[in-house]
Amino acid sequence: GKTVSVWSAAEVSLDDRKKAAEELVRRVVGEKSAQAFKIEVVEKLPEAQDFFEIKETGATGDTGVILLRGSSGVAVASALNWYLRYDAHVDTSWNTPFPVSLQSPPPMPK
């Protein structure tokens, strides 16, 4: 038989969750476009639902930085999907070749 280990998010550090989300962003949008994103994974209250936030923050040269903040890696992935669909107007699916093509610089969230 097979043994499958399952870890809860509480067993994975915030730093590890952030690194995993950053790697996802790099795979999906490519190394160059990923530089326009800042990722934050934050704790949530034990009984609260996962959440995400997308906003423009700070500035890098002449362009802003797109903040994807979420309460888990899955929440950050959802934020990226929302950004791609509604701000960058890029649809993704299981069949989408990655990295996706974004304009340079990527559009800021509305």
Foldseek 3Di string as FASTA:
>chain_A
DDDDDDDDVVVPDQVRQQVVLLVVLCWAANDVQSVLEDEGADADPPPDDKAWDWFWDDDDVPHTHIYIYINGSVRSVVSVQCCCCPPQVHHDDPPDDPRDYAPVNHGGDD
